[in-house]
Amino acid sequence: MIVFDLGGVLAEPDHKELDTAQLLGVEVEALIGPYWAHRQAYDEGSGNLEYWTRVGAALGVEVSPELADRLGTADSDAWARIRPSARQILADLHAAGVPTAILSNAPVDMYEAIDRAEWRDLVGPLFVSGVLGVAKPELEIFAHVARTLDLDPGDLWFIDDKLLNVHGAIASGWHAHHWTSDDDTRAWLEAIGALPRS
Protein backbone atom coordinates (compact mmCIF):
# COMPACT_ATOMS: atom_id res chain seq x y z
CA MET A 1 0.00 0.00 0.00
CA ILE A 2 1.17 3.51 -0.85
CA VAL A 3 0.68 5.98 2.03
CA PHE A 4 0.82 9.70 1.29
CA ASP A 5 1.36 12.64 3.56
CA LEU A 6 -1.02 15.49 2.68
CA GLY A 7 0.54 18.90 3.33
CA GLY A 8 3.51 19.45 1.02
CA VAL A 9 3.21 16.07 -0.71
CA LEU A 10 -0.28 16.40 -2.19
CA ALA A 11 -1.28 19.89 -1.11
CA GLU A 12 0.61 23.14 -0.83
CA PRO A 13 -2.19 25.52 -1.75
CA ASP A 14 -1.38 29.08 -2.68
CA HIS A 15 -2.77 31.60 -0.20
CA LYS A 16 -3.78 28.80 2.19
CA GLU A 17 -3.98 31.29 5.06
CA LEU A 18 -6.08 33.81 3.12
CA ASP A 19 -9.53 32.66 4.21
CA THR A 20 -8.58 32.42 7.88
CA ALA A 21 -6.83 35.80 7.77
CA GLN A 22 -9.97 37.36 6.34
CA LEU A 23 -12.13 35.76 9.02
CA LEU A 24 -9.79 37.17 11.67
CA GLY A 25 -9.67 40.57 9.96
CA VAL A 26 -5.87 40.61 9.65
CA GLU A 27 -3.29 40.55 6.87
CA VAL A 28 -1.95 37.17 5.80
CA GLU A 29 1.61 38.26 6.62
CA ALA A 30 0.59 38.99 10.22
CA LEU A 31 -1.13 35.63 10.59
CA ILE A 32 1.69 33.34 9.42
CA GLY A 33 3.86 33.56 12.56
CA PRO A 34 1.10 32.85 15.13
CA TYR A 35 -0.47 30.31 12.76
CA TRP A 36 2.61 28.06 12.90
CA ALA A 37 3.72 28.83 16.47
CA HIS A 38 0.96 26.73 18.08
CA ARG A 39 0.42 24.22 15.32
CA GLN A 40 1.92 21.10 16.89
CA ALA A 41 -0.61 20.89 19.72
CA TYR A 42 -3.42 21.51 17.20
CA ASP A 43 -2.15 18.69 15.01
CA GLU A 44 -2.05 16.43 18.07
CA GLY A 45 -5.70 16.95 18.89
CA SER A 46 -6.24 20.24 20.72
CA GLY A 47 -9.56 21.83 19.77
CA ASN A 48 -10.38 24.70 17.48
CA LEU A 49 -11.11 27.08 20.35
CA GLU A 50 -7.81 26.42 22.13
CA TYR A 51 -5.73 26.84 18.99
CA TRP A 52 -7.48 29.78 17.39
CA THR A 53 -7.77 31.63 20.72
CA ARG A 54 -3.98 31.47 20.99
CA VAL A 55 -3.58 32.65 17.40
CA GLY A 56 -6.10 35.43 17.97
CA ALA A 57 -4.43 36.56 21.19
CA ALA A 58 -1.13 36.99 19.35
CA LEU A 59 -2.96 39.16 16.82
CA GLY A 60 -5.08 41.10 19.32
CA VAL A 61 -8.29 39.46 18.05
CA GLU A 62 -10.93 37.91 20.32
CA VAL A 63 -12.05 34.51 19.04
CA SER A 64 -15.47 33.16 19.99
CA PRO A 65 -16.31 29.43 19.90
CA GLU A 66 -18.36 30.00 16.74
CA LEU A 67 -15.53 31.85 15.01
CA ALA A 68 -13.03 29.18 16.10
CA ASP A 69 -15.09 26.48 14.41
CA ARG A 70 -15.45 28.57 11.25
CA LEU A 71 -11.69 29.10 11.22
CA GLY A 72 -11.07 25.39 11.70
CA THR A 73 -13.31 24.51 8.77
CA ALA A 74 -11.82 27.18 6.48
CA ASP A 75 -8.27 26.16 7.35
CA SER A 76 -8.87 22.46 6.74
CA ASP A 77 -10.75 23.08 3.50
CA ALA A 78 -7.77 25.11 2.22
CA TRP A 79 -5.36 22.26 2.98
CA ALA A 80 -7.67 19.73 1.31
CA ARG A 81 -7.18 21.39 -2.09
CA ILE A 82 -4.50 19.33 -3.78
CA ARG A 83 -2.35 20.12 -6.80
CA PRO A 84 -3.59 18.88 -10.20
CA SER A 85 -0.33 16.97 -10.76
CA ALA A 86 -0.69 15.27 -7.36
CA ARG A 87 -4.31 14.44 -8.11
CA GLN A 88 -3.20 12.81 -11.36
CA ILE A 89 -0.80 10.57 -9.44
CA LEU A 90 -3.65 9.46 -7.17
CA ALA A 91 -5.90 8.90 -10.19
CA ASP A 92 -3.25 6.82 -11.95
CA LEU A 93 -2.67 4.66 -8.86
CA HIS A 94 -6.42 4.23 -8.46
CA ALA A 95 -6.79 3.21 -12.11
CA ALA A 96 -3.94 0.72 -11.68
CA GLY A 97 -5.68 -0.84 -8.68
CA VAL A 98 -2.93 0.15 -6.25
CA PRO A 99 -4.30 0.70 -2.71
CA THR A 100 -3.49 4.03 -1.12
CA ALA A 101 -4.00 5.83 2.19
CA ILE A 102 -3.39 9.26 3.71
CA LEU A 103 -1.33 9.81 6.90
CA SER A 104 -1.32 13.48 7.81
CA ASN A 105 -0.25 15.60 10.76
CA ALA A 106 -3.34 17.78 10.85
CA PRO A 107 -6.14 18.95 13.18
CA VAL A 108 -9.33 17.00 13.76
CA ASP A 109 -11.29 19.02 11.19
CA MET A 110 -8.97 17.82 8.43
CA TYR A 111 -10.53 14.36 8.52
CA GLU A 112 -13.93 15.71 7.44
CA ALA A 113 -12.33 18.13 4.97
CA ILE A 114 -10.60 15.26 3.18
CA ASP A 115 -13.72 13.12 3.42
CA ARG A 116 -15.74 15.73 1.49
CA ALA A 117 -12.97 16.63 -0.98
CA GLU A 118 -13.67 16.03 -4.67
CA TRP A 119 -10.69 13.63 -4.86
CA ARG A 120 -11.75 11.52 -1.87
CA ASP A 121 -12.74 8.50 -3.97
CA LEU A 122 -9.16 8.22 -5.27
CA VAL A 123 -7.69 7.19 -1.89
CA GLY A 124 -8.47 4.62 0.76
CA PRO A 125 -8.19 4.97 4.56
CA LEU A 126 -7.51 8.32 6.21
CA PHE A 127 -5.25 8.70 9.25
CA VAL A 128 -5.21 12.18 10.79
CA SER A 129 -2.97 12.89 13.79
CA GLY A 130 -5.48 15.18 15.50
CA VAL A 131 -8.01 12.35 15.57
CA LEU A 132 -5.42 9.79 16.73
CA GLY A 133 -3.82 12.03 19.38
CA VAL A 134 -0.30 11.26 18.18
CA ALA A 135 1.70 12.74 15.31
CA LYS A 136 4.57 11.81 13.02
CA PRO A 137 7.43 11.10 13.50
CA GLU A 138 6.40 9.17 16.64
CA LEU A 139 6.72 5.46 16.00
CA GLU A 140 3.34 4.88 17.66
CA ILE A 141 1.44 6.44 14.76
CA PHE A 142 3.17 4.26 12.18
CA ALA A 143 2.48 1.16 14.28
CA HIS A 144 -1.18 2.18 14.58
CA VAL A 145 -1.56 2.54 10.82
CA ALA A 146 0.02 -0.87 10.17
CA ARG A 147 -2.21 -2.54 12.78
CA THR A 148 -5.35 -0.85 11.48
CA LEU A 149 -4.59 -1.85 7.90
CA ASP A 150 -3.57 -5.35 9.06
CA LEU A 151 -0.38 -5.09 7.02
CA ASP A 152 3.22 -5.92 7.78
CA PRO A 153 5.34 -2.76 7.98
CA GLY A 154 7.33 -3.97 4.98
CA ASP A 155 4.16 -3.82 2.87
CA LEU A 156 3.79 -0.06 3.44
CA TRP A 157 5.43 2.52 1.15
CA PHE A 158 5.37 6.06 2.51
CA ILE A 159 5.93 9.50 0.95
CA ASP A 160 6.55 12.59 3.08
CA ASP A 161 8.21 15.96 2.52
CA LYS A 162 9.77 16.04 6.01
CA LEU A 163 12.87 13.93 6.56
CA LEU A 164 12.05 13.37 10.25
CA ASN A 165 8.82 11.67 9.21
CA VAL A 166 10.59 9.64 6.53
CA HIS A 167 13.09 8.47 9.16
CA GLY A 168 10.24 7.61 11.55
CA ALA A 169 8.61 5.45 8.89
CA ILE A 170 11.88 3.67 8.10
CA ALA A 171 12.51 3.07 11.81
CA SER A 172 9.06 1.47 11.92
CA GLY A 173 9.99 -0.97 9.17
CA TRP A 174 8.22 0.87 6.35
CA HIS A 175 9.70 1.76 2.99
CA ALA A 176 9.79 5.54 2.66
CA HIS A 177 10.60 8.25 0.14
CA HIS A 178 11.44 11.89 0.72
CA TRP A 179 9.15 14.01 -1.45
CA THR A 180 10.78 16.77 -3.49
CA SER A 181 8.39 17.11 -6.46
CA ASP A 182 5.48 15.37 -8.13
CA ASP A 183 7.73 14.30 -11.01
CA ASP A 184 10.18 12.75 -8.54
CA THR A 185 7.33 10.98 -6.74
CA ARG A 186 6.04 9.56 -10.00
CA ALA A 187 9.54 8.32 -10.89
CA TRP A 188 9.81 6.61 -7.49
CA LEU A 189 6.40 4.99 -7.88
CA GLU A 190 7.48 3.72 -11.29
CA ALA A 191 10.75 2.42 -9.85
CA ILE A 192 8.97 0.35 -7.17
CA GLY A 193 6.48 -0.98 -9.73
CA ALA A 194 3.41 0.83 -8.42
CA LEU A 195 2.97 2.67 -11.74
CA PRO A 196 4.02 1.65 -15.25
CA ARG A 197 7.03 3.47 -16.61
CA SER A 198 6.10 6.40 -18.80
C-alpha atoms as a PDB file:
ATOM      1  CA  MET A   1       0.000   0.000   0.000  1.00  0.00           C
ATOM      2  CA  ILE A   2       1.172   3.514  -0.846  1.00  0.00           C
ATOM      3  CA  VAL A   3       0.683   5.979   2.035  1.00  0.00           C
ATOM      4  CA  PHE A   4       0.817   9.702   1.287  1.00  0.00           C
ATOM      5  CA  ASP A   5       1.355  12.642   3.561  1.00  0.00           C
ATOM      6  CA  LEU A   6      -1.018  15.489   2.676  1.00  0.00           C
ATOM      7  CA  GLY A   7       0.544  18.904   3.327  1.00  0.00           C
ATOM      8  CA  GLY A   8       3.508  19.445   1.024  1.00  0.00           C
ATOM      9  CA  VAL A   9       3.209  16.073  -0.709  1.00  0.00           C
ATOM     10  CA  LEU A  10      -0.284  16.401  -2.187  1.00  0.00           C
ATOM     11  CA  ALA A  11      -1.277  19.893  -1.111  1.00  0.00           C
ATOM     12  CA  GLU A  12       0.612  23.138  -0.826  1.00  0.00           C
ATOM     13  CA  PRO A  13      -2.193  25.515  -1.746  1.00  0.00           C
ATOM     14  CA  ASP A  14      -1.382  29.080  -2.679  1.00  0.00           C
ATOM     15  CA  HIS A  15      -2.767  31.604  -0.199  1.00  0.00           C
ATOM     16  CA  LYS A  16      -3.782  28.799   2.189  1.00  0.00           C
ATOM     17  CA  GLU A  17      -3.976  31.294   5.062  1.00  0.00           C
ATOM     18  CA  LEU A  18      -6.076  33.810   3.115  1.00  0.00           C
ATOM     19  CA  ASP A  19      -9.535  32.664   4.212  1.00  0.00           C
ATOM     20  CA  THR A  20      -8.583  32.417   7.878  1.00  0.00           C
ATOM     21  CA  ALA A  21      -6.827  35.797   7.766  1.00  0.00           C
ATOM     22  CA  GLN A  22      -9.969  37.361   6.338  1.00  0.00           C
ATOM     23  CA  LEU A  23     -12.130  35.757   9.022  1.00  0.00           C
ATOM     24  CA  LEU A  24      -9.786  37.171  11.668  1.00  0.00           C
ATOM     25  CA  GLY A  25      -9.668  40.575   9.962  1.00  0.00           C
ATOM     26  CA  VAL A  26      -5.866  40.613   9.646  1.00  0.00           C
ATOM     27  CA  GLU A  27      -3.295  40.549   6.865  1.00  0.00           C
ATOM     28  CA  VAL A  28      -1.945  37.172   5.802  1.00  0.00           C
ATOM     29  CA  GLU A  29       1.609  38.262   6.616  1.00  0.00           C
ATOM     30  CA  ALA A  30       0.591  38.991  10.219  1.00  0.00           C
ATOM     31  CA  LEU A  31      -1.128  35.626  10.594  1.00  0.00           C
ATOM     32  CA  ILE A  32       1.691  33.340   9.422  1.00  0.00           C
ATOM     33  CA  GLY A  33       3.862  33.563  12.562  1.00  0.00           C
ATOM     34  CA  PRO A  34       1.103  32.851  15.126  1.00  0.00           C
ATOM     35  CA  TYR A  35      -0.468  30.308  12.758  1.00  0.00           C
ATOM     36  CA  TRP A  36       2.606  28.058  12.903  1.00  0.00           C
ATOM     37  CA  ALA A  37       3.724  28.833  16.472  1.00  0.00           C
ATOM     38  CA  HIS A  38       0.965  26.735  18.084  1.00  0.00           C
ATOM     39  CA  ARG A  39       0.425  24.225  15.320  1.00  0.00           C
ATOM     40  CA  GLN A  40       1.921  21.097  16.888  1.00  0.00           C
ATOM     41  CA  ALA A  41      -0.610  20.891  19.715  1.00  0.00           C
ATOM     42  CA  TYR A  42      -3.424  21.509  17.203  1.00  0.00           C
ATOM     43  CA  ASP A  43      -2.145  18.689  15.012  1.00  0.00           C
ATOM     44  CA  GLU A  44      -2.046  16.429  18.072  1.00  0.00           C
ATOM     45  CA  GLY A  45      -5.705  16.947  18.886  1.00  0.00           C
ATOM     46  CA  SER A  46      -6.244  20.242  20.721  1.00  0.00           C
ATOM     47  CA  GLY A  47      -9.559  21.825  19.775  1.00  0.00           C
ATOM     48  CA  ASN A  48     -10.379  24.704  17.477  1.00  0.00           C
ATOM     49  CA  LEU A  49     -11.111  27.080  20.347  1.00  0.00           C
ATOM     50  CA  GLU A  50      -7.806  26.417  22.130  1.00  0.00           C
ATOM     51  CA  TYR A  51      -5.726  26.842  18.992  1.00  0.00           C
ATOM     52  CA  TRP A  52      -7.483  29.781  17.388  1.00  0.00           C
ATOM     53  CA  THR A  53      -7.773  31.627  20.718  1.00  0.00           C
ATOM     54  CA  ARG A  54      -3.978  31.470  20.986  1.00  0.00           C
ATOM     55  CA  VAL A  55      -3.581  32.651  17.404  1.00  0.00           C
ATOM     56  CA  GLY A  56      -6.104  35.429  17.973  1.00  0.00           C
ATOM     57  CA  ALA A  57      -4.428  36.558  21.191  1.00  0.00           C
ATOM     58  CA  ALA A  58      -1.126  36.985  19.351  1.00  0.00           C
ATOM     59  CA  LEU A  59      -2.964  39.164  16.820  1.00  0.00           C
ATOM     60  CA  GLY A  60      -5.080  41.104  19.321  1.00  0.00           C
ATOM     61  CA  VAL A  61      -8.288  39.458  18.048  1.00  0.00           C
ATOM     62  CA  GLU A  62     -10.925  37.910  20.321  1.00  0.00           C
ATOM     63  CA  VAL A  63     -12.049  34.514  19.039  1.00  0.00           C
ATOM     64  CA  SER A  64     -15.468  33.157  19.989  1.00  0.00           C
ATOM     65  CA  PRO A  65     -16.305  29.427  19.899  1.00  0.00           C
ATOM     66  CA  GLU A  66     -18.356  30.002  16.736  1.00  0.00           C
ATOM     67  CA  LEU A  67     -15.526  31.847  15.007  1.00  0.00           C
ATOM     68  CA  ALA A  68     -13.030  29.183  16.096  1.00  0.00           C
ATOM     69  CA  ASP A  69     -15.093  26.480  14.410  1.00  0.00           C
ATOM     70  CA  ARG A  70     -15.452  28.572  11.246  1.00  0.00           C
ATOM     71  CA  LEU A  71     -11.691  29.102  11.224  1.00  0.00           C
ATOM     72  CA  GLY A  72     -11.074  25.387  11.697  1.00  0.00           C
ATOM     73  CA  THR A  73     -13.306  24.506   8.770  1.00  0.00           C
ATOM     74  CA  ALA A  74     -11.818  27.176   6.485  1.00  0.00           C
ATOM     75  CA  ASP A  75      -8.265  26.159   7.351  1.00  0.00           C
ATOM     76  CA  SER A  76      -8.872  22.458   6.739  1.00  0.00           C
ATOM     77  CA  ASP A  77     -10.753  23.084   3.504  1.00  0.00           C
ATOM     78  CA  ALA A  78      -7.771  25.112   2.224  1.00  0.00           C
ATOM     79  CA  TRP A  79      -5.355  22.264   2.976  1.00  0.00           C
ATOM     80  CA  ALA A  80      -7.667  19.732   1.311  1.00  0.00           C
ATOM     81  CA  ARG A  81      -7.183  21.391  -2.093  1.00  0.00           C
ATOM     82  CA  ILE A  82      -4.500  19.328  -3.784  1.00  0.00           C
ATOM     83  CA  ARG A  83      -2.346  20.124  -6.797  1.00  0.00           C
ATOM     84  CA  PRO A  84      -3.587  18.883 -10.202  1.00  0.00           C
ATOM     85  CA  SER A  85      -0.334  16.969 -10.759  1.00  0.00           C
ATOM     86  CA  ALA A  86      -0.686  15.273  -7.359  1.00  0.00           C
ATOM     87  CA  ARG A  87      -4.314  14.443  -8.107  1.00  0.00           C
ATOM     88  CA  GLN A  88      -3.204  12.807 -11.356  1.00  0.00           C
ATOM     89  CA  ILE A  89      -0.801  10.569  -9.443  1.00  0.00           C
ATOM     90  CA  LEU A  90      -3.651   9.459  -7.171  1.00  0.00           C
ATOM     91  CA  ALA A  91      -5.897   8.905 -10.191  1.00  0.00           C
ATOM     92  CA  ASP A  92      -3.246   6.817 -11.949  1.00  0.00           C
ATOM     93  CA  LEU A  93      -2.673   4.659  -8.862  1.00  0.00           C
ATOM     94  CA  HIS A  94      -6.425   4.231  -8.461  1.00  0.00           C
ATOM     95  CA  ALA A  95      -6.794   3.209 -12.107  1.00  0.00           C
ATOM     96  CA  ALA A  96      -3.935   0.721 -11.677  1.00  0.00           C
ATOM     97  CA  GLY A  97      -5.684  -0.835  -8.684  1.00  0.00           C
ATOM     98  CA  VAL A  98      -2.929   0.146  -6.246  1.00  0.00           C
ATOM     99  CA  PRO A  99      -4.298   0.695  -2.712  1.00  0.00           C
ATOM    100  CA  THR A 100      -3.494   4.034  -1.117  1.00  0.00           C
ATOM    101  CA  ALA A 101      -4.003   5.832   2.186  1.00  0.00           C
ATOM    102  CA  ILE A 102      -3.387   9.259   3.714  1.00  0.00           C
ATOM    103  CA  LEU A 103      -1.334   9.806   6.897  1.00  0.00           C
ATOM    104  CA  SER A 104      -1.317  13.479   7.812  1.00  0.00           C
ATOM    105  CA  ASN A 105      -0.254  15.597  10.755  1.00  0.00           C
ATOM    106  CA  ALA A 106      -3.336  17.779  10.853  1.00  0.00           C
ATOM    107  CA  PRO A 107      -6.135  18.945  13.180  1.00  0.00           C
ATOM    108  CA  VAL A 108      -9.333  16.997  13.761  1.00  0.00           C
ATOM    109  CA  ASP A 109     -11.293  19.023  11.186  1.00  0.00           C
ATOM    110  CA  MET A 110      -8.970  17.818   8.429  1.00  0.00           C
ATOM    111  CA  TYR A 111     -10.530  14.355   8.523  1.00  0.00           C
ATOM    112  CA  GLU A 112     -13.925  15.707   7.438  1.00  0.00           C
ATOM    113  CA  ALA A 113     -12.328  18.129   4.968  1.00  0.00           C
ATOM    114  CA  ILE A 114     -10.604  15.258   3.175  1.00  0.00           C
ATOM    115  CA  ASP A 115     -13.718  13.121   3.416  1.00  0.00           C
ATOM    116  CA  ARG A 116     -15.737  15.728   1.486  1.00  0.00           C
ATOM    117  CA  ALA A 117     -12.970  16.634  -0.983  1.00  0.00           C
ATOM    118  CA  GLU A 118     -13.671  16.026  -4.674  1.00  0.00           C
ATOM    119  CA  TRP A 119     -10.692  13.631  -4.863  1.00  0.00           C
ATOM    120  CA  ARG A 120     -11.751  11.524  -1.868  1.00  0.00           C
ATOM    121  CA  ASP A 121     -12.741   8.503  -3.971  1.00  0.00           C
ATOM    122  CA  LEU A 122      -9.158   8.217  -5.265  1.00  0.00           C
ATOM    123  CA  VAL A 123      -7.691   7.187  -1.891  1.00  0.00           C
ATOM    124  CA  GLY A 124      -8.469   4.623   0.763  1.00  0.00           C
ATOM    125  CA  PRO A 125      -8.189   4.972   4.558  1.00  0.00           C
ATOM    126  CA  LEU A 126      -7.509   8.320   6.215  1.00  0.00           C
ATOM    127  CA  PHE A 127      -5.252   8.700   9.245  1.00  0.00           C
ATOM    128  CA  VAL A 128      -5.209  12.183  10.789  1.00  0.00           C
ATOM    129  CA  SER A 129      -2.973  12.889  13.786  1.00  0.00           C
ATOM    130  CA  GLY A 130      -5.477  15.178  15.496  1.00  0.00           C
ATOM    131  CA  VAL A 131      -8.009  12.347  15.570  1.00  0.00           C
ATOM    132  CA  LEU A 132      -5.422   9.792  16.732  1.00  0.00           C
ATOM    133  CA  GLY A 133      -3.822  12.026  19.377  1.00  0.00           C
ATOM    134  CA  VAL A 134      -0.303  11.261  18.180  1.00  0.00           C
ATOM    135  CA  ALA A 135       1.696  12.738  15.314  1.00  0.00           C
ATOM    136  CA  LYS A 136       4.566  11.814  13.020  1.00  0.00           C
ATOM    137  CA  PRO A 137       7.435  11.100  13.502  1.00  0.00           C
ATOM    138  CA  GLU A 138       6.396   9.173  16.644  1.00  0.00           C
ATOM    139  CA  LEU A 139       6.717   5.455  16.003  1.00  0.00           C
ATOM    140  CA  GLU A 140       3.343   4.885  17.657  1.00  0.00           C
ATOM    141  CA  ILE A 141       1.441   6.438  14.757  1.00  0.00           C
ATOM    142  CA  PHE A 142       3.174   4.259  12.176  1.00  0.00           C
ATOM    143  CA  ALA A 143       2.476   1.156  14.278  1.00  0.00           C
ATOM    144  CA  HIS A 144      -1.181   2.179  14.579  1.00  0.00           C
ATOM    145  CA  VAL A 145      -1.559   2.536  10.816  1.00  0.00           C
ATOM    146  CA  ALA A 146       0.020  -0.870  10.172  1.00  0.00           C
ATOM    147  CA  ARG A 147      -2.214  -2.540  12.779  1.00  0.00           C
ATOM    148  CA  THR A 148      -5.350  -0.854  11.481  1.00  0.00           C
ATOM    149  CA  LEU A 149      -4.586  -1.847   7.900  1.00  0.00           C
ATOM    150  CA  ASP A 150      -3.569  -5.348   9.059  1.00  0.00           C
ATOM    151  CA  LEU A 151      -0.379  -5.090   7.025  1.00  0.00           C
ATOM    152  CA  ASP A 152       3.222  -5.923   7.777  1.00  0.00           C
ATOM    153  CA  PRO A 153       5.341  -2.756   7.984  1.00  0.00           C
ATOM    154  CA  GLY A 154       7.330  -3.967   4.980  1.00  0.00           C
ATOM    155  CA  ASP A 155       4.157  -3.819   2.868  1.00  0.00           C
ATOM    156  CA  LEU A 156       3.790  -0.056   3.435  1.00  0.00           C
ATOM    157  CA  TRP A 157       5.428   2.516   1.155  1.00  0.00           C
ATOM    158  CA  PHE A 158       5.372   6.064   2.506  1.00  0.00           C
ATOM    159  CA  ILE A 159       5.934   9.497   0.949  1.00  0.00           C
ATOM    160  CA  ASP A 160       6.547  12.595   3.085  1.00  0.00           C
ATOM    161  CA  ASP A 161       8.211  15.958   2.521  1.00  0.00           C
ATOM    162  CA  LYS A 162       9.772  16.044   6.010  1.00  0.00           C
ATOM    163  CA  LEU A 163      12.872  13.934   6.558  1.00  0.00           C
ATOM    164  CA  LEU A 164      12.046  13.372  10.247  1.00  0.00           C
ATOM    165  CA  ASN A 165       8.819  11.666   9.210  1.00  0.00           C
ATOM    166  CA  VAL A 166      10.594   9.637   6.532  1.00  0.00           C
ATOM    167  CA  HIS A 167      13.091   8.468   9.164  1.00  0.00           C
ATOM    168  CA  GLY A 168      10.243   7.610  11.549  1.00  0.00           C
ATOM    169  CA  ALA A 169       8.615   5.452   8.894  1.00  0.00           C
ATOM    170  CA  ILE A 170      11.882   3.674   8.096  1.00  0.00           C
ATOM    171  CA  ALA A 171      12.512   3.069  11.813  1.00  0.00           C
ATOM    172  CA  SER A 172       9.061   1.469  11.923  1.00  0.00           C
ATOM    173  CA  GLY A 173       9.990  -0.968   9.165  1.00  0.00           C
ATOM    174  CA  TRP A 174       8.218   0.867   6.345  1.00  0.00           C
ATOM    175  CA  HIS A 175       9.703   1.758   2.987  1.00  0.00           C
ATOM    176  CA  ALA A 176       9.795   5.544   2.658  1.00  0.00           C
ATOM    177  CA  HIS A 177      10.599   8.246   0.136  1.00  0.00           C
ATOM    178  CA  HIS A 178      11.441  11.892   0.718  1.00  0.00           C
ATOM    179  CA  TRP A 179       9.146  14.008  -1.453  1.00  0.00           C
ATOM    180  CA  THR A 180      10.777  16.770  -3.493  1.00  0.00           C
ATOM    181  CA  SER A 181       8.389  17.113  -6.457  1.00  0.00           C
ATOM    182  CA  ASP A 182       5.480  15.366  -8.129  1.00  0.00           C
ATOM    183  CA  ASP A 183       7.734  14.297 -11.006  1.00  0.00           C
ATOM    184  CA  ASP A 184      10.183  12.754  -8.536  1.00  0.00           C
ATOM    185  CA  THR A 185       7.328  10.985  -6.740  1.00  0.00           C
ATOM    186  CA  ARG A 186       6.041   9.559  -9.998  1.00  0.00           C
ATOM    187  CA  ALA A 187       9.535   8.324 -10.888  1.00  0.00           C
ATOM    188  CA  TRP A 188       9.810   6.605  -7.490  1.00  0.00           C
ATOM    189  CA  LEU A 189       6.395   4.993  -7.876  1.00  0.00           C
ATOM    190  CA  GLU A 190       7.475   3.718 -11.287  1.00  0.00           C
ATOM    191  CA  ALA A 191      10.754   2.415  -9.845  1.00  0.00           C
ATOM    192  CA  ILE A 192       8.970   0.352  -7.168  1.00  0.00           C
ATOM    193  CA  GLY A 193       6.478  -0.975  -9.729  1.00  0.00           C
ATOM    194  CA  ALA A 194       3.413   0.833  -8.418  1.00  0.00           C
ATOM    195  CA  LEU A 195       2.968   2.675 -11.736  1.00  0.00           C
ATOM    196  CA  PRO A 196       4.019   1.648 -15.246  1.00  0.00           C
ATOM    197  CA  ARG A 197       7.032   3.466 -16.608  1.00  0.00           C
ATOM    198  CA  SER A 198       6.097   6.399 -18.799  1.00  0.00           C
END
